[in-house]
Each structure stands twice: as structure tokens, then as C-alpha cells.
Amino acid sequence: MKKCIYCGADMEDQAKFCSVCGNLAQNASEDPYPPYGNPNRYPPPAYMQQRTNGMAIASLVLGIVSVFFNAFLLAPSVLAIVFGVMARGQIARDPSQGGSGMALAGLILGIVFLIVYAVAIVIGLFIGQAALESWEIYFHV
């Protein structure tokens, strides 16, 4: 004799249905309820949302600012380079952080506009020196 797993009533071994509750006869070892979703019963891997590195954002913002306001001692370009290098190092050490592309873009903008404005300053100094010499020659100062 076997027992009904739903109501506990005694059933004959060959019975396909319980005579008391009418449910399908199953062995106690069988799971009466099939699993929902994944039949392996392992939860799906959790999606880990990447946090964007703050220094990567700062590097990109300073790189963009350096396009327009780099005349102030080239500080935005230098800071964009420093923050970009630091952010890329932090992102390489901690894979849960994102923003590698922003850090690289800020780094590139910082380097390019540091060179552009440094060359512009040197050219301006040469032009200024030439103008001063021509001024001295013209006015005999």
C-alpha cells in the first residue's frame, strides 16, 4: 500500500488516482509540482550594473572645458590628463567600475589641447618679441 501525497489516504499500489481526493497518484519521491523557470533550479546570474568612475567623468568634463578655457595656466588640460590616468588605473583594478571610454576621451582631449595651447603660447611669445623689437626699431627706444 502506498499513501496519497495530497491527502494521506491509503491507496493500492496499482492505483492511478486517489479514491478520496481524486488527484493523480505519484510516488513520494516524485515532486508533485514541476519547477518554474529554469529546470536546473539555479537562479540566473544577477546583472551587475557598473558604476561610472567619478574621476573618468571629471577627466572628460575637464577635457571639454580645456577646449574653451585653457588660457588659465593650462590647468584644465593638466587636470584632465591627471584625472584620466588615475581613472584608467582605478578602472583596471576594479572591473565593477565603468567609464574607461570617458577617461580615455578626457585624456586625449587634455593632451591634444595642452599641446595646441602650449604651441599657441610659444608662437605668441615669438610674435610678441618680434613686435617689441620692431617697436624699438621704429621708435628708437
N, C-alpha and C. Protein backbone atom coordinates (compact mmCIF):
# COMPACT_ATOMS: atom_id res chain seq x y z
N MET A 1 0.83 -1.18 0.00
CA MET A 1 0.00 0.00 0.00
C MET A 1 0.88 1.25 0.00
N LYS A 2 0.39 2.19 -0.74
CA LYS A 2 1.07 3.48 -0.72
C LYS A 2 0.10 4.55 -0.26
N LYS A 3 0.63 5.69 0.10
CA LYS A 3 -0.21 6.78 0.61
C LYS A 3 -0.29 7.88 -0.44
N CYS A 4 -1.42 8.54 -0.48
CA CYS A 4 -1.61 9.70 -1.36
C CYS A 4 -0.78 10.86 -0.80
N ILE A 5 0.00 11.50 -1.64
CA ILE A 5 0.85 12.59 -1.15
C ILE A 5 0.06 13.86 -0.91
N TYR A 6 -1.18 13.93 -1.38
CA TYR A 6 -2.01 15.13 -1.21
C TYR A 6 -2.85 15.07 0.05
N CYS A 7 -3.54 13.92 0.24
CA CYS A 7 -4.47 13.84 1.38
C CYS A 7 -4.05 12.83 2.42
N GLY A 8 -3.07 11.97 2.11
CA GLY A 8 -2.58 10.97 3.07
C GLY A 8 -3.39 9.70 3.14
N ALA A 9 -4.38 9.54 2.25
CA ALA A 9 -5.21 8.33 2.27
C ALA A 9 -4.43 7.15 1.72
N ASP A 10 -4.81 5.93 2.20
CA ASP A 10 -4.17 4.71 1.70
C ASP A 10 -4.69 4.41 0.30
N MET A 11 -3.75 3.98 -0.57
CA MET A 11 -4.09 3.65 -1.96
C MET A 11 -3.46 2.31 -2.31
N GLU A 12 -4.06 1.63 -3.26
CA GLU A 12 -3.45 0.39 -3.75
C GLU A 12 -2.24 0.74 -4.60
N ASP A 13 -1.30 -0.19 -4.72
CA ASP A 13 -0.06 0.05 -5.44
C ASP A 13 -0.29 0.31 -6.93
N GLN A 14 -1.34 -0.26 -7.53
CA GLN A 14 -1.58 -0.10 -8.96
C GLN A 14 -2.51 1.08 -9.26
N ALA A 15 -3.02 1.78 -8.26
CA ALA A 15 -3.98 2.86 -8.47
C ALA A 15 -3.32 4.04 -9.17
N LYS A 16 -4.06 4.61 -10.13
CA LYS A 16 -3.55 5.77 -10.85
C LYS A 16 -4.10 7.06 -10.26
N PHE A 17 -5.23 6.96 -9.54
CA PHE A 17 -5.83 8.13 -8.91
C PHE A 17 -6.19 7.78 -7.47
N CYS A 18 -6.19 8.78 -6.62
CA CYS A 18 -6.59 8.60 -5.22
C CYS A 18 -8.11 8.48 -5.18
N SER A 19 -8.61 7.51 -4.44
CA SER A 19 -10.06 7.32 -4.36
C SER A 19 -10.72 8.34 -3.44
N VAL A 20 -9.95 9.04 -2.60
CA VAL A 20 -10.52 10.01 -1.67
C VAL A 20 -10.53 11.41 -2.28
N CYS A 21 -9.33 11.88 -2.75
CA CYS A 21 -9.26 13.27 -3.24
C CYS A 21 -9.28 13.36 -4.76
N GLY A 22 -9.03 12.25 -5.47
CA GLY A 22 -9.11 12.25 -6.92
C GLY A 22 -7.84 12.74 -7.62
N ASN A 23 -6.79 13.05 -6.88
CA ASN A 23 -5.54 13.51 -7.50
C ASN A 23 -4.78 12.35 -8.11
N LEU A 24 -3.91 12.66 -9.04
CA LEU A 24 -3.07 11.68 -9.70
C LEU A 24 -2.14 11.05 -8.68
N ALA A 25 -2.03 9.76 -8.71
CA ALA A 25 -1.18 9.04 -7.76
C ALA A 25 0.28 9.20 -8.19
N GLN A 26 1.12 9.63 -7.25
CA GLN A 26 2.56 9.79 -7.50
C GLN A 26 3.32 9.20 -6.35
N ASN A 27 4.55 8.83 -6.62
CA ASN A 27 5.41 8.35 -5.54
C ASN A 27 5.82 9.54 -4.68
N ALA A 28 6.11 9.27 -3.44
CA ALA A 28 6.52 10.34 -2.54
C ALA A 28 7.86 10.94 -2.97
N SER A 29 8.65 10.17 -3.72
CA SER A 29 9.95 10.68 -4.15
C SER A 29 9.81 11.65 -5.33
N GLU A 30 8.70 11.55 -6.06
CA GLU A 30 8.49 12.45 -7.19
C GLU A 30 7.99 13.80 -6.70
N ASP A 31 8.41 14.84 -7.35
CA ASP A 31 7.97 16.19 -6.99
C ASP A 31 6.61 16.42 -7.64
N PRO A 32 5.56 16.68 -6.86
CA PRO A 32 4.23 16.86 -7.47
C PRO A 32 4.12 18.17 -8.26
N TYR A 33 4.97 19.10 -7.96
CA TYR A 33 4.90 20.40 -8.64
C TYR A 33 6.17 20.59 -9.47
N PRO A 34 6.05 20.71 -10.77
CA PRO A 34 7.26 20.90 -11.59
C PRO A 34 7.86 22.28 -11.30
N PRO A 35 9.15 22.40 -11.44
CA PRO A 35 9.79 23.69 -11.16
C PRO A 35 9.41 24.74 -12.20
N TYR A 36 9.33 25.97 -11.75
CA TYR A 36 9.05 27.07 -12.66
C TYR A 36 10.35 27.62 -13.19
N GLY A 37 10.34 28.12 -14.40
CA GLY A 37 11.52 28.78 -14.95
C GLY A 37 12.62 27.80 -15.28
N ASN A 38 13.77 28.04 -14.73
CA ASN A 38 14.96 27.27 -15.03
C ASN A 38 14.86 25.87 -14.41
N PRO A 39 14.87 24.79 -15.20
CA PRO A 39 14.73 23.45 -14.64
C PRO A 39 15.95 23.04 -13.81
N ASN A 40 17.07 23.73 -13.96
CA ASN A 40 18.26 23.39 -13.17
C ASN A 40 18.15 23.91 -11.74
N ARG A 41 17.18 24.75 -11.49
CA ARG A 41 16.91 25.33 -10.18
C ARG A 41 18.04 26.22 -9.67
N TYR A 42 18.84 26.71 -10.56
CA TYR A 42 19.85 27.70 -10.19
C TYR A 42 19.32 29.07 -10.61
N PRO A 43 19.46 30.04 -9.77
CA PRO A 43 18.97 31.37 -10.17
C PRO A 43 19.83 31.92 -11.30
N PRO A 44 19.24 32.73 -12.17
CA PRO A 44 20.04 33.32 -13.24
C PRO A 44 21.07 34.28 -12.62
N PRO A 45 22.17 34.49 -13.29
CA PRO A 45 23.18 35.39 -12.73
C PRO A 45 22.62 36.80 -12.60
N ALA A 46 22.92 37.41 -11.50
CA ALA A 46 22.44 38.76 -11.24
C ALA A 46 23.17 39.74 -12.14
N TYR A 47 22.42 40.69 -12.69
CA TYR A 47 23.02 41.72 -13.54
C TYR A 47 23.66 42.75 -12.64
N MET A 48 24.94 42.95 -12.83
CA MET A 48 25.65 43.93 -12.03
C MET A 48 25.78 45.21 -12.84
N GLN A 49 25.13 46.22 -12.40
CA GLN A 49 25.21 47.49 -13.10
C GLN A 49 26.53 48.17 -12.74
N GLN A 50 27.26 48.60 -13.74
CA GLN A 50 28.53 49.24 -13.49
C GLN A 50 28.33 50.67 -13.05
N ARG A 51 29.09 51.05 -12.04
CA ARG A 51 29.09 52.44 -11.61
C ARG A 51 30.18 53.15 -12.39
N THR A 52 29.88 54.35 -12.84
CA THR A 52 30.86 55.12 -13.59
C THR A 52 31.82 55.77 -12.62
N ASN A 53 33.09 55.65 -12.92
CA ASN A 53 34.14 56.22 -12.09
C ASN A 53 34.03 57.75 -12.13
N GLY A 54 34.06 58.37 -10.96
CA GLY A 54 33.93 59.83 -10.86
C GLY A 54 35.09 60.57 -11.49
N MET A 55 36.27 60.01 -11.39
CA MET A 55 37.44 60.67 -12.00
C MET A 55 37.37 60.62 -13.52
N ALA A 56 36.74 59.57 -14.05
CA ALA A 56 36.57 59.48 -15.51
C ALA A 56 35.64 60.59 -15.99
N ILE A 57 34.57 60.83 -15.23
CA ILE A 57 33.65 61.92 -15.58
C ILE A 57 34.37 63.26 -15.48
N ALA A 58 35.14 63.45 -14.40
CA ALA A 58 35.88 64.71 -14.23
C ALA A 58 36.89 64.91 -15.35
N SER A 59 37.54 63.83 -15.77
CA SER A 59 38.52 63.94 -16.84
C SER A 59 37.86 64.37 -18.15
N LEU A 60 36.71 63.77 -18.46
CA LEU A 60 36.01 64.14 -19.69
C LEU A 60 35.53 65.59 -19.63
N VAL A 61 34.95 65.98 -18.50
CA VAL A 61 34.44 67.35 -18.36
C VAL A 61 35.60 68.35 -18.47
N LEU A 62 36.70 68.08 -17.80
CA LEU A 62 37.85 68.99 -17.88
C LEU A 62 38.47 68.99 -19.27
N GLY A 63 38.43 67.84 -19.96
CA GLY A 63 38.92 67.81 -21.34
C GLY A 63 38.09 68.69 -22.25
N ILE A 64 36.77 68.67 -22.06
CA ILE A 64 35.89 69.53 -22.86
C ILE A 64 36.07 70.98 -22.47
N VAL A 65 36.21 71.26 -21.18
CA VAL A 65 36.43 72.63 -20.71
C VAL A 65 37.75 73.17 -21.25
N SER A 66 38.76 72.31 -21.39
CA SER A 66 40.06 72.77 -21.88
C SER A 66 40.01 73.26 -23.32
N VAL A 67 38.99 72.85 -24.06
CA VAL A 67 38.84 73.34 -25.43
C VAL A 67 38.58 74.84 -25.43
N PHE A 68 37.82 75.31 -24.45
CA PHE A 68 37.40 76.71 -24.45
C PHE A 68 38.14 77.58 -23.43
N PHE A 69 38.51 77.03 -22.30
CA PHE A 69 39.05 77.84 -21.21
C PHE A 69 40.46 77.42 -20.81
N ASN A 70 41.30 77.07 -21.73
CA ASN A 70 42.63 76.59 -21.41
C ASN A 70 43.62 77.73 -21.20
N ALA A 71 43.21 78.94 -21.37
CA ALA A 71 44.13 80.07 -21.23
C ALA A 71 44.51 80.29 -19.77
N PHE A 72 43.79 79.71 -18.83
CA PHE A 72 44.08 79.89 -17.41
C PHE A 72 45.18 78.92 -16.98
N LEU A 73 46.41 79.20 -17.36
CA LEU A 73 47.58 78.42 -16.96
C LEU A 73 47.52 76.96 -17.39
N LEU A 74 46.78 76.66 -18.40
CA LEU A 74 46.63 75.30 -18.94
C LEU A 74 46.12 74.31 -17.90
N ALA A 75 45.51 74.80 -16.83
CA ALA A 75 45.06 73.94 -15.73
C ALA A 75 44.02 72.90 -16.15
N PRO A 76 43.01 73.25 -16.95
CA PRO A 76 42.03 72.21 -17.31
C PRO A 76 42.66 71.03 -18.05
N SER A 77 43.60 71.30 -18.94
CA SER A 77 44.24 70.21 -19.69
C SER A 77 45.08 69.33 -18.78
N VAL A 78 45.84 69.96 -17.90
CA VAL A 78 46.69 69.19 -17.00
C VAL A 78 45.83 68.34 -16.06
N LEU A 79 44.76 68.92 -15.52
CA LEU A 79 43.88 68.16 -14.64
C LEU A 79 43.15 67.04 -15.39
N ALA A 80 42.76 67.30 -16.64
CA ALA A 80 42.11 66.25 -17.44
C ALA A 80 43.06 65.07 -17.65
N ILE A 81 44.33 65.36 -17.88
CA ILE A 81 45.32 64.30 -18.06
C ILE A 81 45.51 63.52 -16.76
N VAL A 82 45.67 64.23 -15.65
CA VAL A 82 45.89 63.58 -14.35
C VAL A 82 44.68 62.72 -13.97
N PHE A 83 43.48 63.28 -14.06
CA PHE A 83 42.29 62.51 -13.71
C PHE A 83 42.07 61.34 -14.66
N GLY A 84 42.38 61.51 -15.95
CA GLY A 84 42.22 60.43 -16.91
C GLY A 84 43.13 59.26 -16.61
N VAL A 85 44.38 59.55 -16.28
CA VAL A 85 45.33 58.48 -15.96
C VAL A 85 44.91 57.77 -14.67
N MET A 86 44.52 58.55 -13.65
CA MET A 86 44.10 57.95 -12.38
C MET A 86 42.83 57.11 -12.55
N ALA A 87 41.88 57.60 -13.33
CA ALA A 87 40.63 56.87 -13.54
C ALA A 87 40.88 55.57 -14.28
N ARG A 88 41.72 55.59 -15.29
CA ARG A 88 42.00 54.35 -16.03
C ARG A 88 42.68 53.32 -15.15
N GLY A 89 43.53 53.78 -14.23
CA GLY A 89 44.16 52.86 -13.29
C GLY A 89 43.16 52.25 -12.33
N GLN A 90 42.24 53.07 -11.82
CA GLN A 90 41.22 52.57 -10.90
C GLN A 90 40.28 51.59 -11.61
N ILE A 91 39.91 51.90 -12.84
CA ILE A 91 39.00 51.02 -13.59
C ILE A 91 39.67 49.70 -13.91
N ALA A 92 40.97 49.73 -14.18
CA ALA A 92 41.70 48.49 -14.47
C ALA A 92 41.77 47.60 -13.22
N ARG A 93 41.87 48.20 -12.04
CA ARG A 93 41.94 47.43 -10.80
C ARG A 93 40.58 46.93 -10.34
N ASP A 94 39.51 47.67 -10.62
CA ASP A 94 38.17 47.32 -10.15
C ASP A 94 37.24 47.18 -11.35
N PRO A 95 36.97 45.95 -11.80
CA PRO A 95 36.14 45.77 -13.01
C PRO A 95 34.67 46.14 -12.82
N SER A 96 34.24 46.39 -11.58
CA SER A 96 32.84 46.78 -11.40
C SER A 96 32.61 48.25 -11.75
N GLN A 97 33.67 48.98 -12.02
CA GLN A 97 33.55 50.39 -12.39
C GLN A 97 33.58 50.54 -13.90
N GLY A 98 32.78 51.45 -14.40
CA GLY A 98 32.77 51.75 -15.82
C GLY A 98 33.33 53.14 -16.05
N GLY A 99 33.41 53.54 -17.30
CA GLY A 99 33.86 54.88 -17.63
C GLY A 99 35.24 54.92 -18.26
N SER A 100 35.72 53.78 -18.71
CA SER A 100 37.05 53.74 -19.32
C SER A 100 37.10 54.61 -20.58
N GLY A 101 36.03 54.60 -21.35
CA GLY A 101 35.98 55.42 -22.56
C GLY A 101 35.97 56.91 -22.25
N MET A 102 35.25 57.28 -21.19
CA MET A 102 35.23 58.70 -20.80
C MET A 102 36.60 59.13 -20.33
N ALA A 103 37.28 58.27 -19.55
CA ALA A 103 38.62 58.60 -19.07
C ALA A 103 39.58 58.74 -20.25
N LEU A 104 39.47 57.86 -21.23
CA LEU A 104 40.34 57.93 -22.40
C LEU A 104 40.06 59.19 -23.21
N ALA A 105 38.78 59.53 -23.38
CA ALA A 105 38.43 60.73 -24.13
C ALA A 105 38.94 61.98 -23.43
N GLY A 106 38.79 62.05 -22.10
CA GLY A 106 39.31 63.19 -21.35
C GLY A 106 40.82 63.27 -21.44
N LEU A 107 41.47 62.13 -21.39
CA LEU A 107 42.93 62.08 -21.50
C LEU A 107 43.39 62.58 -22.86
N ILE A 108 42.75 62.13 -23.92
CA ILE A 108 43.11 62.56 -25.27
C ILE A 108 42.85 64.05 -25.45
N LEU A 109 41.68 64.53 -25.03
CA LEU A 109 41.38 65.96 -25.14
C LEU A 109 42.39 66.79 -24.35
N GLY A 110 42.73 66.33 -23.16
CA GLY A 110 43.70 67.06 -22.34
C GLY A 110 45.05 67.16 -23.01
N ILE A 111 45.53 66.04 -23.56
CA ILE A 111 46.84 66.04 -24.22
C ILE A 111 46.83 66.91 -25.47
N VAL A 112 45.81 66.74 -26.30
CA VAL A 112 45.74 67.49 -27.56
C VAL A 112 45.70 68.99 -27.30
N PHE A 113 44.83 69.43 -26.39
CA PHE A 113 44.70 70.87 -26.19
C PHE A 113 45.80 71.44 -25.32
N LEU A 114 46.49 70.62 -24.55
CA LEU A 114 47.69 71.09 -23.87
C LEU A 114 48.76 71.42 -24.90
N ILE A 115 48.91 70.54 -25.88
CA ILE A 115 49.89 70.78 -26.94
C ILE A 115 49.48 71.99 -27.78
N VAL A 116 48.20 72.05 -28.16
CA VAL A 116 47.73 73.15 -29.01
C VAL A 116 47.95 74.49 -28.32
N TYR A 117 47.54 74.61 -27.05
CA TYR A 117 47.68 75.88 -26.37
C TYR A 117 49.12 76.19 -26.00
N ALA A 118 49.94 75.18 -25.72
CA ALA A 118 51.36 75.41 -25.45
C ALA A 118 52.05 75.95 -26.71
N VAL A 119 51.73 75.37 -27.86
CA VAL A 119 52.30 75.86 -29.12
C VAL A 119 51.80 77.28 -29.40
N ALA A 120 50.53 77.55 -29.12
CA ALA A 120 49.98 78.88 -29.33
C ALA A 120 50.68 79.90 -28.42
N ILE A 121 50.97 79.52 -27.20
CA ILE A 121 51.67 80.43 -26.28
C ILE A 121 53.08 80.70 -26.78
N VAL A 122 53.79 79.67 -27.23
CA VAL A 122 55.14 79.87 -27.75
C VAL A 122 55.11 80.75 -28.98
N ILE A 123 54.21 80.51 -29.89
CA ILE A 123 54.09 81.35 -31.08
C ILE A 123 53.76 82.78 -30.68
N GLY A 124 52.85 82.93 -29.72
CA GLY A 124 52.51 84.27 -29.24
C GLY A 124 53.70 84.98 -28.63
N LEU A 125 54.54 84.25 -27.91
CA LEU A 125 55.74 84.87 -27.34
C LEU A 125 56.70 85.30 -28.43
N PHE A 126 56.90 84.49 -29.45
CA PHE A 126 57.79 84.87 -30.56
C PHE A 126 57.24 86.08 -31.31
N ILE A 127 55.93 86.08 -31.55
CA ILE A 127 55.32 87.22 -32.24
C ILE A 127 55.43 88.47 -31.37
N GLY A 128 55.21 88.31 -30.07
CA GLY A 128 55.33 89.45 -29.17
C GLY A 128 56.74 89.99 -29.11
N GLN A 129 57.72 89.09 -29.09
CA GLN A 129 59.12 89.51 -29.08
C GLN A 129 59.47 90.22 -30.38
N ALA A 130 59.00 89.68 -31.50
CA ALA A 130 59.26 90.32 -32.79
C ALA A 130 58.59 91.69 -32.86
N ALA A 131 57.39 91.78 -32.33
CA ALA A 131 56.70 93.07 -32.33
C ALA A 131 57.42 94.07 -31.43
N LEU A 132 57.92 93.61 -30.31
CA LEU A 132 58.65 94.50 -29.41
C LEU A 132 59.93 95.00 -30.06
N GLU A 133 60.64 94.11 -30.77
CA GLU A 133 61.87 94.52 -31.46
C GLU A 133 61.56 95.52 -32.57
N SER A 134 60.48 95.26 -33.32
CA SER A 134 60.13 96.20 -34.38
C SER A 134 59.66 97.53 -33.79
N TRP A 135 59.04 97.49 -32.65
CA TRP A 135 58.61 98.71 -31.95
C TRP A 135 59.84 99.52 -31.55
N GLU A 136 60.85 98.84 -31.02
CA GLU A 136 62.08 99.50 -30.60
C GLU A 136 62.81 100.10 -31.79
N ILE A 137 62.81 99.37 -32.89
CA ILE A 137 63.48 99.88 -34.09
C ILE A 137 62.73 101.07 -34.66
N TYR A 138 61.43 100.99 -34.68
CA TYR A 138 60.62 102.06 -35.28
C TYR A 138 60.67 103.32 -34.44
N PHE A 139 60.58 103.20 -33.10
CA PHE A 139 60.52 104.37 -32.26
C PHE A 139 61.88 104.70 -31.64
N HIS A 140 62.90 103.97 -31.92
CA HIS A 140 64.26 104.21 -31.42
C HIS A 140 64.28 104.28 -29.91
N VAL A 141 63.65 103.34 -29.28
CA VAL A 141 63.60 103.32 -27.81
C VAL A 141 64.78 102.57 -27.26
